[in-house]
Amino acid sequence: MRLDMVAVFCYLFFGAPLKRNQVKIKRVLANAFIRSIIPATIGFVVWFGGYYLFFNSSGSSKVYKNYTEKLFIEEAIRDRQFSDKISIQSQIVENQKPTTGDFVIIPINGAIADGDSYQNLFDQLFIAAQKNFSTKAVIFYIDSPGGEVTACDKLFNEVLKLKTYGIKTVAFVNSMSASGAYYITANSDKIVASPTSIVGSIGVIMELYNFEGLAGKIGLKIETIKSSEMKDIGSPFRKMSERERRVLQRIVDTLYGRFVAIVRAGRKLGSSEMDVLATGEVWTAQDAKLLGLVDEVGYIKKAIEVAKELTGVTNPRLVIYQKEIGFFDAFIESVSRVNSGKAEKIVENALPPPGFLYQWIP
């Protein structure tokens, strides 16, 4: 009995207070965490918002939706790839007279396919043609191997519309203007290519996968129910028939004929010249000039000088349009990137959907 009484006594005087203190400590820690995390969150939001506004709002003006206009020289100074950036900068500083027109720089980068960057090109062309009434020339700054046939053709048509507004077009090939990228700007008033750039790859390609052998090895069998023989043309789980190959080849030949006709008309070349050029081959800038695919070999400054000659504008304002998103949109986008499925993206990039491409695929 004495031992039981001692145990009860110890619990009442030591155990119970200790338990109550543990609950109290937990509450204190929880309150401290809440008090610290809320100011930290607010501080982060304020800091990130200030950082975003400072680096994205200075030196720019909104021209359409969430697009802002910036001077191209600002980008040139920050980018070391412009070997003649200093001469451009000094030229602009020395000219004190008011500008007599705008030259809009529109970049065409990477593979051309439906998506945000693709829509951005349409928006920039729309701003240059219908929102900026001072536009005298558009200079396309190209680093692209081409892309989807329809995507390239729609952009080609939009570029063609610039002529109806009296806007001159100059294509500047920075590193590559292959296949669909060349297709888009084939009707430009002038084409300038940098000395180390690659030009050409006039042609159409379609790549299809065949997993029949792999499926057999892992015991995978696909059962297809279809309305007609050609409904699953291009299926990766069986060998392509000769009839299917003829159908797809006929489409490729038709799209190829359109490509050749556009280049021939835009560059004013003959049939014999196109027979040499339209083989899918790529060319150096120097060879491309000899063959009639480009007009000049030089850097961005050369493209600007060519635009001056075409427009008669001696002191242009060089501008670019950049899409800027709001703070909360940027925050949500950053969170979505973290939570997005990486596995799905890896598979999508490794196995892009089949389609007809105006693209150079080494």
Protein backbone atom coordinates (compact mmCIF):
# COMPACT_ATOMS: atom_id res chain seq x y z
CA MET A 1 0.00 0.00 0.00
CA ARG A 2 2.80 2.38 0.81
CA LEU A 3 4.35 1.84 -2.62
CA ASP A 4 1.02 2.59 -4.29
CA MET A 5 0.64 5.74 -2.26
CA VAL A 6 4.17 6.81 -3.21
CA ALA A 7 3.38 6.23 -6.88
CA VAL A 8 0.18 8.28 -6.66
CA PHE A 9 2.01 11.02 -4.76
CA CYS A 10 4.76 11.15 -7.46
CA TYR A 11 2.23 11.34 -10.26
CA LEU A 12 0.23 14.11 -8.60
CA PHE A 13 3.23 16.27 -7.80
CA PHE A 14 5.50 15.47 -10.76
CA GLY A 15 3.68 13.57 -13.57
CA ALA A 16 0.50 15.62 -13.93
CA PRO A 17 2.23 19.02 -13.97
CA LEU A 18 4.75 17.68 -16.41
CA LYS A 19 1.98 16.50 -18.72
CA ARG A 20 0.20 19.84 -18.41
CA ASN A 21 3.49 21.59 -19.15
CA GLN A 22 4.01 19.46 -22.24
CA VAL A 23 0.60 20.52 -23.58
CA LYS A 24 1.40 24.12 -22.70
CA ILE A 25 4.80 23.87 -24.42
CA LYS A 26 3.16 22.49 -27.56
CA ARG A 27 0.70 25.36 -27.56
CA VAL A 28 3.48 27.90 -27.10
CA LEU A 29 5.51 26.35 -29.92
CA ALA A 30 2.47 26.29 -32.20
CA ASN A 31 1.68 29.92 -31.47
CA ALA A 32 5.31 30.89 -32.03
CA PHE A 33 5.35 29.04 -35.34
CA ILE A 34 2.17 30.78 -36.49
CA ARG A 35 3.48 34.17 -35.40
CA SER A 36 6.74 33.61 -37.30
CA ILE A 37 5.42 31.98 -40.47
CA ILE A 38 2.82 34.66 -41.21
CA PRO A 39 5.29 37.59 -41.14
CA ALA A 40 7.79 35.48 -43.09
CA THR A 41 5.18 34.73 -45.75
CA ILE A 42 4.14 38.36 -45.97
CA GLY A 43 7.77 39.40 -46.16
CA PHE A 44 8.44 36.95 -48.97
CA VAL A 45 5.40 38.14 -50.92
CA VAL A 46 6.44 41.77 -50.53
CA TRP A 47 10.06 41.02 -51.45
CA PHE A 48 9.18 38.89 -54.45
CA GLY A 49 6.60 41.40 -55.63
CA GLY A 50 9.06 44.26 -55.35
CA TYR A 51 11.74 42.24 -57.11
CA TYR A 52 9.35 41.34 -59.93
CA LEU A 53 8.09 44.89 -60.39
CA PHE A 54 11.59 46.36 -60.30
CA PHE A 55 13.09 44.07 -62.89
CA ASN A 56 10.07 43.86 -65.16
CA SER A 57 8.58 47.33 -65.10
CA SER A 58 11.57 49.62 -65.51
CA GLY A 59 12.17 51.10 -68.96
CA SER A 60 9.10 49.58 -70.56
CA SER A 61 5.56 50.55 -71.52
CA LYS A 62 2.51 48.37 -72.02
CA VAL A 63 1.34 48.30 -75.63
CA TYR A 64 -1.16 45.44 -75.87
CA LYS A 65 -2.67 43.09 -73.27
CA ASN A 66 0.28 42.22 -71.01
CA TYR A 67 2.94 42.97 -73.62
CA THR A 68 5.46 45.72 -72.97
CA GLU A 69 7.69 47.56 -75.37
CA LYS A 70 11.42 47.76 -74.67
CA LEU A 71 14.36 49.15 -76.57
CA PHE A 72 16.24 46.39 -78.36
CA ILE A 73 19.57 48.05 -77.55
CA GLU A 74 19.00 47.27 -73.88
CA GLU A 75 18.89 43.59 -74.70
CA ALA A 76 21.87 43.89 -77.05
CA ILE A 77 24.05 45.47 -74.39
CA ARG A 78 23.25 42.68 -71.91
CA ASP A 79 23.83 39.91 -74.46
CA ARG A 80 27.44 39.26 -75.34
CA GLN A 81 26.62 37.41 -78.52
CA PHE A 82 26.17 40.76 -80.26
CA SER A 83 29.74 41.40 -81.37
CA ASP A 84 28.84 44.83 -82.68
CA LYS A 85 26.81 45.97 -79.67
CA ILE A 86 29.17 48.83 -78.86
CA SER A 87 28.97 50.33 -82.33
CA ILE A 88 25.17 50.11 -82.29
CA GLN A 89 25.03 51.76 -78.89
CA SER A 90 27.35 54.62 -79.88
CA GLN A 91 25.42 55.14 -83.11
CA ILE A 92 22.14 55.53 -81.23
CA VAL A 93 23.68 57.85 -78.63
CA GLU A 94 25.27 60.06 -81.28
CA ASN A 95 22.02 60.51 -83.21
CA GLN A 96 20.19 63.30 -81.43
CA LYS A 97 17.36 63.76 -83.93
CA PRO A 98 13.89 62.33 -83.19
CA THR A 99 13.22 58.89 -84.62
CA THR A 100 11.31 58.67 -87.89
CA GLY A 101 10.08 55.11 -87.49
CA ASP A 102 10.32 51.88 -85.53
CA PHE A 103 12.13 48.68 -86.43
CA VAL A 104 10.49 45.84 -84.49
CA ILE A 105 12.73 42.88 -83.62
CA ILE A 106 10.78 39.60 -83.42
CA PRO A 107 12.70 36.48 -82.34
CA ILE A 108 11.88 33.05 -83.77
CA ASN A 109 13.50 30.54 -81.44
CA GLY A 110 13.45 26.76 -81.12
CA ALA A 111 11.07 24.25 -82.62
CA ILE A 112 7.91 25.86 -84.00
CA ALA A 113 4.77 24.26 -82.63
CA ASP A 114 1.40 25.23 -81.20
CA GLY A 115 1.80 26.61 -77.68
CA ASP A 116 2.53 29.76 -75.66
CA SER A 117 5.68 30.76 -77.54
CA TYR A 118 3.86 30.18 -80.84
CA GLN A 119 0.98 32.42 -79.76
CA ASN A 120 3.51 35.05 -78.67
CA LEU A 121 4.74 35.30 -82.25
CA PHE A 122 1.22 36.00 -83.49
CA ASP A 123 0.75 38.63 -80.79
CA GLN A 124 4.01 40.36 -81.66
CA LEU A 125 3.14 40.42 -85.36
CA PHE A 126 -0.28 41.84 -84.52
CA ILE A 127 1.23 44.60 -82.36
CA ALA A 128 3.80 45.50 -85.00
CA ALA A 129 1.21 45.70 -87.79
CA GLN A 130 -1.94 47.01 -86.12
CA LYS A 131 -1.00 48.60 -82.79
CA ASN A 132 2.29 50.36 -83.49
CA PHE A 133 1.57 52.80 -86.30
CA SER A 134 5.26 53.82 -86.38
CA THR A 135 6.44 50.39 -87.53
CA LYS A 136 8.47 50.70 -90.72
CA ALA A 137 10.24 47.33 -90.68
CA VAL A 138 10.18 44.01 -88.87
CA ILE A 139 13.47 42.19 -88.37
CA PHE A 140 13.11 38.50 -87.57
CA TYR A 141 15.90 37.24 -85.31
CA ILE A 142 16.04 33.52 -86.14
CA ASP A 143 17.44 30.57 -84.20
CA SER A 144 15.18 27.69 -85.24
CA PRO A 145 15.28 24.28 -86.98
CA GLY A 146 11.65 24.66 -88.11
CA GLY A 147 8.66 22.75 -86.81
CA GLU A 148 5.11 21.62 -87.48
CA VAL A 149 3.87 22.12 -91.05
CA THR A 150 0.62 23.88 -90.19
CA ALA A 151 2.20 26.03 -87.49
CA CYS A 152 4.87 27.23 -89.93
CA ASP A 153 2.35 27.83 -92.71
CA LYS A 154 0.11 29.98 -90.50
CA LEU A 155 3.06 32.09 -89.44
CA PHE A 156 4.15 32.43 -93.07
CA ASN A 157 0.71 33.81 -93.90
CA GLU A 158 0.87 36.29 -90.99
CA VAL A 159 4.31 37.51 -92.09
CA LEU A 160 2.98 37.94 -95.61
CA LYS A 161 0.26 40.24 -94.27
CA LEU A 162 2.90 42.75 -93.11
CA LYS A 163 3.37 43.81 -96.73
CA THR A 164 -0.25 44.95 -96.91
CA TYR A 165 0.57 47.48 -94.17
CA GLY A 166 3.59 48.77 -96.06
CA ILE A 167 5.99 47.20 -93.56
CA LYS A 168 9.33 45.94 -94.84
CA THR A 169 10.63 42.59 -93.59
CA VAL A 170 14.21 41.48 -93.01
CA ALA A 171 15.13 37.98 -91.82
CA PHE A 172 18.32 37.77 -89.78
CA VAL A 173 19.70 34.25 -89.32
CA ASN A 174 21.65 34.26 -86.08
CA SER A 175 22.65 30.59 -85.85
CA MET A 176 20.07 28.60 -87.83
CA SER A 177 17.14 29.09 -90.17
CA ALA A 178 16.31 25.58 -91.28
CA SER A 179 13.26 24.11 -92.96
CA GLY A 180 10.08 25.67 -91.48
CA ALA A 181 11.97 28.65 -90.04
CA TYR A 182 13.20 29.46 -93.54
CA TYR A 183 9.71 28.75 -94.93
CA ILE A 184 8.17 31.39 -92.64
CA THR A 185 10.49 34.18 -93.82
CA ALA A 186 11.12 33.05 -97.41
CA ASN A 187 9.16 36.04 -98.72
CA SER A 188 11.10 38.59 -96.67
CA ASP A 189 12.35 41.61 -98.58
CA LYS A 190 15.89 40.68 -97.60
CA ILE A 191 17.62 37.83 -95.76
CA VAL A 192 20.86 38.33 -93.84
CA ALA A 193 22.78 35.41 -92.34
CA SER A 194 25.56 35.53 -89.78
CA PRO A 195 28.89 34.05 -91.00
CA THR A 196 28.62 30.85 -88.93
CA SER A 197 24.91 30.20 -89.41
CA ILE A 198 23.18 27.24 -91.09
CA VAL A 199 20.48 27.75 -93.73
CA GLY A 200 18.31 25.40 -95.77
CA SER A 201 16.85 21.94 -95.13
CA ILE A 202 14.06 22.54 -97.62
CA GLY A 203 11.81 19.52 -97.33
CA VAL A 204 9.24 17.58 -95.32
CA ILE A 205 9.71 14.77 -92.84
CA MET A 206 7.44 12.43 -90.91
CA GLU A 207 8.75 9.97 -88.34
CA LEU A 208 6.68 7.06 -87.06
CA TYR A 209 7.51 4.55 -84.32
CA ASN A 210 7.26 0.77 -84.60
CA PHE A 211 6.97 -1.02 -81.25
CA GLU A 212 5.82 -4.33 -82.71
CA GLY A 213 9.05 -6.15 -81.86
CA LEU A 214 9.25 -4.66 -78.37
CA ALA A 215 5.59 -5.44 -77.65
CA GLY A 216 6.16 -9.06 -78.67
CA LYS A 217 9.13 -9.41 -76.33
CA ILE A 218 7.21 -8.20 -73.29
CA GLY A 219 4.03 -10.09 -74.20
CA LEU A 220 1.98 -7.04 -75.07
CA LYS A 221 -0.69 -7.51 -77.74
CA ILE A 222 -2.88 -4.70 -79.07
CA GLU A 223 -6.39 -5.50 -80.30
CA THR A 224 -7.77 -2.83 -82.65
CA ILE A 225 -11.40 -2.48 -83.71
CA LYS A 226 -11.71 -0.10 -86.65
CA SER A 227 -14.27 0.99 -89.21
CA SER A 228 -11.97 0.60 -92.21
CA GLU A 229 -8.55 -0.63 -93.22
CA MET A 230 -6.84 2.77 -93.10
CA LYS A 231 -8.33 4.01 -89.83
CA ASP A 232 -5.21 3.25 -87.77
CA ILE A 233 -2.71 4.25 -90.43
CA GLY A 234 0.68 4.81 -88.84
CA SER A 235 -0.03 2.57 -85.84
CA PRO A 236 3.18 1.88 -83.89
CA PHE A 237 2.08 -1.66 -83.01
CA ARG A 238 2.20 -3.23 -86.47
CA LYS A 239 4.16 -3.03 -89.67
CA MET A 240 3.08 -0.37 -92.14
CA SER A 241 1.49 -1.68 -95.33
CA GLU A 242 2.64 -0.53 -98.75
CA ARG A 243 -0.71 1.12 -99.36
CA GLU A 244 -0.37 3.14 -96.14
CA ARG A 245 3.14 4.17 -97.11
CA ARG A 246 1.90 5.42 -100.49
CA VAL A 247 -0.85 7.48 -98.81
CA LEU A 248 1.54 9.17 -96.39
CA GLN A 249 4.16 9.69 -99.09
CA ARG A 250 1.55 11.40 -101.26
CA ILE A 251 0.83 13.87 -98.45
CA VAL A 252 4.55 14.49 -97.89
CA ASP A 253 5.03 15.15 -101.60
CA THR A 254 2.14 17.63 -101.64
CA LEU A 255 3.49 19.55 -98.66
CA TYR A 256 6.97 19.45 -100.18
CA GLY A 257 5.62 20.92 -103.43
CA ARG A 258 4.10 23.82 -101.49
CA PHE A 259 7.40 24.46 -99.70
CA VAL A 260 9.33 24.52 -102.99
CA ALA A 261 6.80 26.84 -104.63
CA ILE A 262 6.96 29.33 -101.75
CA VAL A 263 10.77 29.44 -101.73
CA ARG A 264 10.90 29.69 -105.50
CA ALA A 265 8.47 32.63 -105.56
CA GLY A 266 9.96 34.38 -102.55
CA ARG A 267 13.57 34.11 -103.71
CA LYS A 268 12.75 34.41 -107.44
CA LEU A 269 14.58 31.21 -108.36
CA GLY A 270 14.19 28.92 -111.36
CA SER A 271 13.23 25.24 -111.46
CA SER A 272 16.81 24.10 -112.09
CA GLU A 273 18.02 26.14 -109.11
CA MET A 274 15.35 24.66 -106.86
CA ASP A 275 16.33 21.15 -107.92
CA VAL A 276 19.74 21.83 -106.36
CA LEU A 277 18.38 23.54 -103.24
CA ALA A 278 15.31 21.48 -102.35
CA THR A 279 17.09 18.27 -101.35
CA GLY A 280 16.90 18.72 -97.58
CA GLU A 281 20.55 19.76 -97.49
CA VAL A 282 21.75 22.51 -95.16
CA TRP A 283 24.21 25.16 -96.22
CA THR A 284 26.67 27.57 -94.68
CA ALA A 285 25.84 31.27 -94.92
CA GLN A 286 28.44 31.79 -97.65
CA ASP A 287 27.10 28.90 -99.76
CA ALA A 288 23.54 29.99 -99.14
CA LYS A 289 24.35 33.42 -100.54
CA LEU A 290 25.92 31.91 -103.67
CA LEU A 291 22.87 29.71 -104.15
CA GLY A 292 20.41 32.58 -103.70
CA LEU A 293 18.94 31.59 -100.35
CA VAL A 294 20.25 34.71 -98.58
CA ASP A 295 21.14 38.21 -99.75
CA GLU A 296 23.89 39.23 -97.34
CA VAL A 297 26.31 37.70 -94.85
CA GLY A 298 26.78 39.74 -91.69
CA TYR A 299 25.68 40.37 -88.13
CA ILE A 300 22.59 42.05 -86.67
CA LYS A 301 24.00 45.48 -87.49
CA LYS A 302 24.01 44.49 -91.16
CA ALA A 303 20.34 43.50 -90.93
CA ILE A 304 19.53 46.88 -89.41
CA GLU A 305 21.43 48.67 -92.18
CA VAL A 306 19.52 46.67 -94.80
CA ALA A 307 16.24 47.65 -93.15
CA LYS A 308 17.33 51.30 -93.28
CA GLU A 309 17.98 51.02 -96.99
CA LEU A 310 14.59 49.42 -97.59
CA THR A 311 12.62 51.99 -95.59
CA GLY A 312 14.68 55.15 -95.97
CA VAL A 313 14.61 55.54 -92.18
CA THR A 314 18.04 56.77 -91.12
CA ASN A 315 17.49 56.90 -87.37
CA PRO A 316 15.13 54.10 -86.37
CA ARG A 317 14.00 53.16 -82.89
CA LEU A 318 14.76 49.48 -82.33
CA VAL A 319 12.08 47.87 -80.17
CA ILE A 320 11.05 44.44 -78.96
CA TYR A 321 7.82 43.24 -77.39
CA GLN A 322 7.94 41.09 -74.29
CA LYS A 323 5.10 39.34 -72.56
CA GLU A 324 4.98 39.95 -68.85
CA ILE A 325 2.76 38.16 -66.38
CA GLY A 326 1.40 39.51 -63.11
CA PHE A 327 2.88 38.65 -59.74
CA PHE A 328 0.22 36.15 -58.72
CA ASP A 329 0.30 34.49 -62.15
CA ALA A 330 4.06 34.15 -61.83
CA PHE A 331 3.73 32.68 -58.34
CA ILE A 332 1.09 30.16 -59.44
CA GLU A 333 3.16 29.22 -62.48
CA SER A 334 6.23 28.58 -60.32
CA VAL A 335 4.20 26.36 -57.99
CA SER A 336 2.69 24.44 -60.91
CA ARG A 337 6.16 23.82 -62.32
CA VAL A 338 7.24 22.23 -59.06
CA ASN A 339 4.15 20.02 -58.91
CA SER A 340 4.06 19.11 -62.61
CA GLY A 341 4.70 15.51 -63.54
CA LYS A 342 8.28 15.16 -64.71
CA ALA A 343 7.81 11.60 -65.91
CA GLU A 344 5.06 12.61 -68.31
CA LYS A 345 7.20 15.42 -69.71
CA ILE A 346 10.15 13.08 -70.23
CA VAL A 347 7.98 10.63 -72.17
CA GLU A 348 6.38 13.45 -74.17
CA ASN A 349 9.77 14.90 -75.13
CA ALA A 350 11.26 11.50 -75.92
CA LEU A 351 8.26 10.34 -77.97
CA PRO A 352 6.61 13.36 -79.61
CA PRO A 353 3.33 12.65 -81.41
CA PRO A 354 3.68 11.78 -85.11
CA GLY A 355 3.04 14.50 -87.64
CA PHE A 356 4.27 16.21 -90.78
CA LEU A 357 7.17 18.53 -90.13
CA TYR A 358 9.02 21.30 -91.91
CA GLN A 359 11.94 20.66 -89.60
CA TRP A 360 15.60 19.72 -89.70
CA ILE A 361 16.03 16.60 -87.58
CA PRO A 362 19.68 15.43 -87.68
